[in-house]
Amino acid sequence: MENAIDVVVTWVDGTDPVWLAEKKAYSPDGTFDEADNIQRYRPSDLFRYWFRGIEKNAPWVNKIFFITYGHVPEWLNTNHPKLRVVTHKEFIPEKYLPTYNSAVIELNLHRIEELSQRFVLFSDDVYLINQTKSEDFFVGDNIKDFGIYKPIIPKESFSHTELNNTILINRHFSNHKKRVLKTVRKFFRLDYGMFNVNNFFALLYSGIMGYKSFHITVPHLKSTFKEIWEIEGDYLDKVCHHRFRSIEDINHWALSHWNIESGRFVPQKINFGHYFSAESEAEIVEAMLKNKYKVICINDENNNYDYEESTAKVKQAFEEKFPEKSSFEK
C-alpha cells in the first residue's frame, strides 16, 4: 500500500537461557553481569497493553513488525494478519550478527523488504494511551517531530551517542541559521514555550549543538535510512560491527535529525507524549487516567525502587484503561 504506515517494535526476553548463553559467550573478556542484564532486559508484564493500545488507539496502522532475536511472548497471537514477527537473522547482514546492540538493529530496519516507506518506531516501553490519527505521526511525506535544539550535557554513557548523532549531522548540514530562518515557524511556536529560548540561542552558533529528545515514538522514512547508508556507509558499517554498545555508536535518532535538517518534518505538539521513570508510578497513573498525553514512555533502567510494587500499580491503571483483550493476544 503506497500510503501505508507501519509500526515497528523491538523486543527482547532477557530471561531466555539460549539468548543469555550466547550473549555471555560473546561478552568481551568473558565478563557478564547477569543481574544487570536481567534488570535491563527483563520482559515487562505490561507489554500486552502495548498491543491493546495500538489496536484501540491506532486503527490506521497497516502492519506491526515485531523485531526479535527469535523469542516471542507466550501469549502473543503470531498468526494475526496484521502482525509480522521478524527475527534479526531475517534482515540484519550476517556479518553484524549476533548483536546485543539496539543501534545495530535500528540502523538496519530499512532492509525489511515489506516495511512501508513511512513507519513509526517504538521501544517496548512506549505506549499509546489515547486515540491517535495517522496525522499525529506523518503529514504527507513529512514526519511529525520536535524542531527543538538543546546543548548536550554529558551525564551518562548514552551522551556519547547523542554527541555522535550531532557530529554526523554537522558533517553534512551547514548554514544552520539560514535553514532555521527560512522555515522559522517550524522552530518558533507558541506551544514550544520556553523551548523557543533554546532555539533562539541555537541561532548564535554556526553549528548544531544538539537536539531535545523526548524518548517516545519516532516516525521514520525508509528512504532516509537508504540515503544515509549511501552517504555514510563506511561509518555505519563500523557502528554495526559493535556487537555491544560502544561510545562510538549513533542510533536511529540521527535519522530523525537528518529529516529535520532536510526540511522533511512538521512540528509536533509538546504535549503529545512524555517520558517517565518506572518508579514514578503515581505520575504515570495520573497521566494515564487523566488523559494528559497520547504517548508515554515508562523507562525501567533504575534498580533503586520496588519493581514489583510499582509495576502492580501501573498494571492496574493499564487494566482500567484497556480492560479488553486485544486480538493480538491468544
Protein backbone atom coordinates (compact mmCIF):
# COMPACT_ATOMS: atom_id res chain seq x y z
CA MET A 1 0.00 0.00 0.00
CA GLU A 2 1.50 3.29 -1.14
CA ASN A 3 0.16 5.38 1.74
CA ALA A 4 0.54 2.70 4.40
CA ILE A 5 2.05 3.44 7.78
CA ASP A 6 3.59 0.52 9.64
CA VAL A 7 4.68 0.23 13.25
CA VAL A 8 7.96 -1.35 14.34
CA VAL A 9 8.57 -2.52 17.89
CA THR A 10 11.80 -4.09 19.18
CA TRP A 11 11.63 -6.65 21.98
CA VAL A 12 13.97 -8.94 23.85
CA ASP A 13 13.41 -11.57 26.53
CA GLY A 14 16.43 -11.21 28.77
CA THR A 15 15.48 -14.39 30.65
CA ASP A 16 15.75 -16.65 27.59
CA PRO A 17 18.51 -19.16 28.51
CA VAL A 18 19.61 -19.62 24.88
CA TRP A 19 19.94 -15.88 24.35
CA LEU A 20 21.68 -15.49 27.72
CA ALA A 21 24.21 -18.23 26.99
CA GLU A 22 25.02 -16.78 23.58
CA LYS A 23 25.38 -13.26 24.95
CA LYS A 24 27.65 -14.50 27.72
CA ALA A 25 29.82 -16.33 25.20
CA TYR A 26 30.29 -13.18 23.14
CA SER A 27 30.78 -10.80 26.08
CA PRO A 28 34.16 -9.04 25.96
CA ASP A 29 36.79 -10.80 28.12
CA GLY A 30 34.09 -13.19 29.28
CA THR A 31 32.66 -10.56 31.63
CA PHE A 32 28.91 -10.63 32.07
CA ASP A 33 26.74 -9.10 34.79
CA GLU A 34 23.72 -11.40 34.71
CA ALA A 35 21.83 -9.44 37.38
CA ASP A 36 22.25 -6.21 35.42
CA ASN A 37 21.26 -8.00 32.21
CA ILE A 38 18.03 -9.37 33.68
CA GLN A 39 17.12 -5.95 35.09
CA ARG A 40 17.77 -4.19 31.78
CA TYR A 41 16.16 -6.82 29.54
CA ARG A 42 13.50 -8.35 31.77
CA PRO A 43 10.25 -8.81 29.83
CA SER A 44 7.64 -6.45 31.18
CA ASP A 45 4.27 -7.64 32.45
CA LEU A 46 2.88 -4.54 30.77
CA PHE A 47 3.75 -5.44 27.19
CA ARG A 48 0.36 -6.92 26.35
CA TYR A 49 -1.07 -3.42 26.98
CA TRP A 50 1.23 -2.14 24.24
CA PHE A 51 -0.81 -4.21 21.77
CA ARG A 52 -4.10 -3.17 23.34
CA GLY A 53 -3.08 0.47 22.97
CA ILE A 54 -2.19 0.01 19.30
CA GLU A 55 -5.41 -1.81 18.49
CA LYS A 56 -7.65 0.67 20.28
CA ASN A 57 -5.81 3.93 19.63
CA ALA A 58 -4.19 3.41 16.23
CA PRO A 59 -6.62 1.52 13.95
CA TRP A 60 -4.93 3.23 10.98
CA VAL A 61 -1.78 1.11 11.39
CA ASN A 62 -1.16 -1.14 8.40
CA LYS A 63 1.11 -3.77 9.97
CA ILE A 64 3.10 -4.31 13.15
CA PHE A 65 6.66 -5.53 12.66
CA PHE A 66 7.74 -7.29 15.85
CA ILE A 67 11.55 -7.39 15.89
CA THR A 68 13.07 -10.16 17.99
CA TYR A 69 16.11 -12.37 18.49
CA GLY A 70 13.72 -15.27 17.99
CA HIS A 71 11.67 -15.44 21.17
CA VAL A 72 8.10 -14.14 21.47
CA PRO A 73 5.79 -13.66 24.47
CA GLU A 74 3.87 -16.88 25.12
CA TRP A 75 0.55 -15.02 24.96
CA LEU A 76 1.19 -13.39 21.56
CA ASN A 77 -1.03 -14.43 18.65
CA THR A 78 1.67 -14.78 16.00
CA ASN A 79 -0.95 -15.73 13.37
CA HIS A 80 -2.58 -12.30 13.47
CA PRO A 81 -2.86 -10.96 9.89
CA LYS A 82 -1.53 -7.53 10.90
CA LEU A 83 1.48 -8.94 12.78
CA ARG A 84 4.80 -9.83 11.21
CA VAL A 85 7.37 -11.42 13.51
CA VAL A 86 10.85 -10.61 12.16
CA THR A 87 14.00 -12.17 13.58
CA HIS A 88 17.35 -10.42 13.45
CA LYS A 89 18.65 -13.03 11.01
CA GLU A 90 15.93 -12.13 8.51
CA PHE A 91 17.14 -8.59 7.85
CA ILE A 92 20.45 -7.81 9.56
CA PRO A 93 23.51 -8.79 7.48
CA GLU A 94 25.22 -11.88 8.83
CA LYS A 95 28.49 -10.03 9.41
CA TYR A 96 26.81 -7.98 12.16
CA LEU A 97 25.27 -10.97 13.99
CA PRO A 98 24.68 -11.89 16.67
CA THR A 99 24.15 -8.42 18.07
CA TYR A 100 23.25 -7.17 21.54
CA ASN A 101 23.35 -3.54 20.47
CA SER A 102 20.00 -1.87 19.79
CA ALA A 103 21.70 0.63 17.47
CA VAL A 104 22.61 -2.17 15.06
CA ILE A 105 19.02 -3.40 14.96
CA GLU A 106 17.61 0.09 14.41
CA LEU A 107 20.07 1.15 11.72
CA ASN A 108 19.20 -1.85 9.55
CA LEU A 109 15.41 -1.64 9.65
CA HIS A 110 15.25 -0.41 6.05
CA ARG A 111 16.40 -3.88 4.97
CA ILE A 112 12.99 -5.33 5.89
CA GLU A 113 11.58 -5.55 2.40
CA GLU A 114 7.88 -5.49 3.32
CA LEU A 115 8.26 -2.50 5.65
CA SER A 116 6.50 0.59 4.31
CA GLN A 117 8.21 3.86 3.39
CA ARG A 118 6.57 5.52 6.42
CA PHE A 119 6.83 3.75 9.76
CA VAL A 120 6.78 4.57 13.46
CA LEU A 121 9.46 3.06 15.69
CA PHE A 122 8.52 2.08 19.23
CA SER A 123 10.54 0.71 22.10
CA ASP A 124 8.59 -1.89 24.04
CA ASP A 125 8.23 0.59 26.92
CA VAL A 126 6.42 3.24 24.84
CA TYR A 127 2.62 3.05 24.91
CA LEU A 128 -0.26 4.70 23.05
CA ILE A 129 -2.66 5.63 25.82
CA ASN A 130 -5.11 7.81 23.89
CA GLN A 131 -6.65 7.92 20.44
CA THR A 132 -4.28 8.88 17.63
CA LYS A 133 -4.56 9.65 13.92
CA SER A 134 -2.03 8.95 11.23
CA GLU A 135 -1.55 12.73 11.02
CA ASP A 136 -0.10 12.62 14.53
CA PHE A 137 2.96 10.96 13.01
CA PHE A 138 3.08 11.96 9.35
CA VAL A 139 1.76 14.78 7.18
CA GLY A 140 2.17 13.60 3.62
CA ASP A 141 5.80 12.57 3.20
CA ASN A 142 6.94 14.59 6.23
CA ILE A 143 7.46 13.20 9.70
CA LYS A 144 5.93 14.87 12.77
CA ASP A 145 8.80 15.72 15.09
CA PHE A 146 10.16 18.32 17.51
CA GLY A 147 12.32 21.00 15.92
CA ILE A 148 13.99 21.86 19.21
CA TYR A 149 17.72 22.31 19.78
CA LYS A 150 19.42 21.71 23.09
CA PRO A 151 23.07 21.57 24.17
CA ILE A 152 24.29 18.09 25.01
CA ILE A 153 25.07 17.95 28.72
CA PRO A 154 27.05 14.73 29.33
CA LYS A 155 25.64 12.81 32.29
CA GLU A 156 25.91 9.16 31.26
CA SER A 157 27.46 6.92 28.63
CA PHE A 158 24.48 7.42 26.30
CA SER A 159 25.58 11.06 25.91
CA HIS A 160 28.29 9.74 23.58
CA THR A 161 25.57 8.51 21.22
CA GLU A 162 23.80 11.87 21.27
CA LEU A 163 27.11 13.61 20.56
CA ASN A 164 27.92 11.22 17.71
CA ASN A 165 24.48 11.79 16.20
CA THR A 166 25.09 15.54 16.23
CA ILE A 167 28.60 15.22 14.79
CA LEU A 168 27.19 13.24 11.87
CA ILE A 169 24.54 15.89 11.23
CA ASN A 170 27.07 18.74 11.40
CA ARG A 171 29.24 16.93 8.85
CA HIS A 172 26.50 17.24 6.24
CA PHE A 173 24.43 20.30 7.13
CA SER A 174 25.94 23.78 7.18
CA ASN A 175 24.19 27.19 7.15
CA HIS A 176 22.19 26.13 10.19
CA LYS A 177 20.92 29.66 10.89
CA LYS A 178 19.79 30.16 7.30
CA ARG A 179 17.77 26.92 7.31
CA VAL A 180 16.01 27.78 10.56
CA LEU A 181 15.10 31.31 9.49
CA LYS A 182 13.85 30.06 6.13
CA THR A 183 11.27 27.87 7.92
CA VAL A 184 11.03 29.90 11.11
CA ARG A 185 7.50 28.75 12.00
CA LYS A 186 8.73 25.20 12.37
CA PHE A 187 11.22 26.21 15.04
CA PHE A 188 9.46 29.05 16.86
CA ARG A 189 5.97 28.16 18.02
CA LEU A 190 3.70 29.24 20.84
CA ASP A 191 3.32 25.71 22.19
CA TYR A 192 7.13 25.29 22.34
CA GLY A 193 7.06 27.64 25.35
CA MET A 194 10.49 28.04 26.92
CA PHE A 195 11.99 25.79 24.27
CA ASN A 196 11.79 28.82 21.96
CA VAL A 197 14.63 30.21 24.08
CA ASN A 198 16.70 27.12 23.21
CA ASN A 199 16.15 27.71 19.53
CA PHE A 200 16.94 31.41 19.80
CA PHE A 201 20.32 30.75 21.40
CA ALA A 202 20.96 27.95 18.88
CA LEU A 203 20.97 30.63 16.17
CA LEU A 204 24.02 32.22 17.79
CA TYR A 205 26.19 29.24 16.84
CA SER A 206 27.38 28.28 13.38
CA GLY A 207 26.80 24.58 14.02
CA ILE A 208 24.14 22.45 15.65
CA MET A 209 24.71 21.98 19.38
CA GLY A 210 22.33 19.06 19.91
CA TYR A 211 18.66 18.18 19.97
CA LYS A 212 15.94 17.90 22.57
CA SER A 213 14.82 14.27 22.61
CA PHE A 214 11.56 13.15 24.18
CA HIS A 215 12.16 9.36 24.34
CA ILE A 216 8.80 8.47 22.82
CA THR A 217 7.64 7.28 19.40
CA VAL A 218 9.81 8.23 16.42
CA PRO A 219 8.35 8.38 12.90
CA HIS A 220 10.79 7.46 10.15
CA LEU A 221 11.14 7.42 6.38
CA LYS A 222 12.66 4.27 4.94
CA SER A 223 14.24 6.34 2.16
CA THR A 224 16.22 8.34 4.74
CA PHE A 225 17.83 5.15 6.02
CA LYS A 226 18.88 4.27 2.48
CA GLU A 227 20.14 7.81 1.87
CA ILE A 228 22.37 7.84 4.94
CA TRP A 229 23.71 4.35 4.21
CA GLU A 230 24.68 5.56 0.73
CA ILE A 231 26.44 8.65 2.11
CA GLU A 232 27.89 7.29 5.37
CA GLY A 233 28.09 3.58 4.57
CA ASP A 234 31.62 3.07 5.92
CA TYR A 235 30.79 4.75 9.22
CA LEU A 236 27.51 2.86 9.66
CA ASP A 237 29.27 -0.38 8.81
CA LYS A 238 31.77 0.33 11.58
CA VAL A 239 28.97 1.06 14.07
CA CYS A 240 27.11 -2.11 13.09
CA HIS A 241 30.18 -4.21 13.86
CA HIS A 242 29.82 -3.17 17.51
CA ARG A 243 28.21 -6.29 18.96
CA PHE A 244 27.67 -4.45 22.24
CA ARG A 245 27.04 -0.78 22.96
CA SER A 246 30.01 1.44 22.20
CA ILE A 247 30.88 5.08 22.82
CA GLU A 248 31.33 5.33 19.03
CA ASP A 249 27.70 4.43 18.27
CA ILE A 250 25.00 6.51 16.67
CA ASN A 251 21.34 5.50 16.87
CA HIS A 252 18.13 5.99 14.90
CA TRP A 253 17.65 9.49 16.33
CA ALA A 254 20.32 10.63 13.86
CA LEU A 255 17.97 9.73 11.02
CA SER A 256 15.20 11.75 12.61
CA HIS A 257 17.59 14.71 12.96
CA TRP A 258 18.52 14.26 9.29
CA ASN A 259 14.86 14.63 8.33
CA ILE A 260 14.58 17.79 10.43
CA GLU A 261 17.61 19.41 8.79
CA SER A 262 16.38 18.32 5.35
CA GLY A 263 13.07 20.08 5.97
CA ARG A 264 11.12 16.82 5.89
CA PHE A 265 9.21 17.45 9.09
CA VAL A 266 6.14 19.14 10.51
CA PRO A 267 6.32 20.36 14.15
CA GLN A 268 4.94 18.01 16.79
CA LYS A 269 2.99 19.32 19.78
CA ILE A 270 4.93 19.46 23.02
CA ASN A 271 2.18 17.70 25.00
CA PHE A 272 1.99 14.81 22.54
CA GLY A 273 3.98 12.49 24.78
CA HIS A 274 6.00 12.24 27.96
CA TYR A 275 8.88 10.22 29.40
CA PHE A 276 8.56 8.70 32.89
CA SER A 277 10.92 6.67 35.03
CA ALA A 278 9.21 3.46 36.09
CA GLU A 279 9.50 4.31 39.79
CA SER A 280 7.28 7.39 39.29
CA GLU A 281 4.16 5.25 39.35
CA ALA A 282 1.91 7.94 40.84
CA GLU A 283 2.70 10.34 37.99
CA ILE A 284 2.27 7.58 35.41
CA VAL A 285 -1.13 6.57 36.75
CA GLU A 286 -2.27 10.21 36.85
CA ALA A 287 -1.14 10.80 33.27
CA MET A 288 -2.99 7.69 32.10
CA LEU A 289 -6.25 8.24 33.91
CA LYS A 290 -6.41 12.00 33.25
CA ASN A 291 -5.57 11.58 29.55
CA LYS A 292 -2.68 14.04 29.69
CA TYR A 293 -0.77 12.64 26.71
CA LYS A 294 -1.25 10.42 23.68
CA VAL A 295 2.04 8.58 24.18
CA ILE A 296 4.06 7.74 27.28
CA CYS A 297 7.39 6.04 27.87
CA ILE A 298 7.80 4.03 31.09
CA ASN A 299 11.55 3.54 31.32
CA ASP A 300 12.81 0.77 33.58
CA GLU A 301 16.56 1.22 33.91
CA ASN A 302 16.79 2.03 37.60
CA ASN A 303 17.42 -0.64 40.22
CA ASN A 304 16.68 1.65 43.17
CA TYR A 305 12.95 1.08 43.55
CA ASP A 306 10.42 -1.66 44.31
CA TYR A 307 9.83 -3.05 40.83
CA GLU A 308 7.01 -5.40 41.80
CA GLU A 309 5.04 -2.78 43.74
CA SER A 310 5.43 -0.05 41.12
CA THR A 311 4.56 -2.38 38.25
CA ALA A 312 1.46 -3.63 40.06
CA LYS A 313 0.11 -0.09 40.43
CA VAL A 314 0.79 0.80 36.81
CA LYS A 315 -0.64 -2.52 35.64
CA GLN A 316 -3.88 -1.78 37.50
CA ALA A 317 -4.13 1.57 35.70
CA PHE A 318 -3.50 -0.13 32.36
CA GLU A 319 -6.20 -2.67 33.16
CA GLU A 320 -8.65 0.14 33.80
CA LYS A 321 -7.57 1.82 30.57
CA PHE A 322 -7.58 -1.32 28.43
CA PRO A 323 -9.76 -3.99 30.09
CA GLU A 324 -10.49 -5.80 26.82
CA LYS A 325 -8.04 -8.36 25.50
CA SER A 326 -6.70 -7.41 22.07
CA SER A 327 -6.88 -9.68 19.03
CA PHE A 328 -3.08 -9.89 19.24
CA GLU A 329 -3.43 -11.96 22.43
CA LYS A 330 -4.23 -15.68 22.45
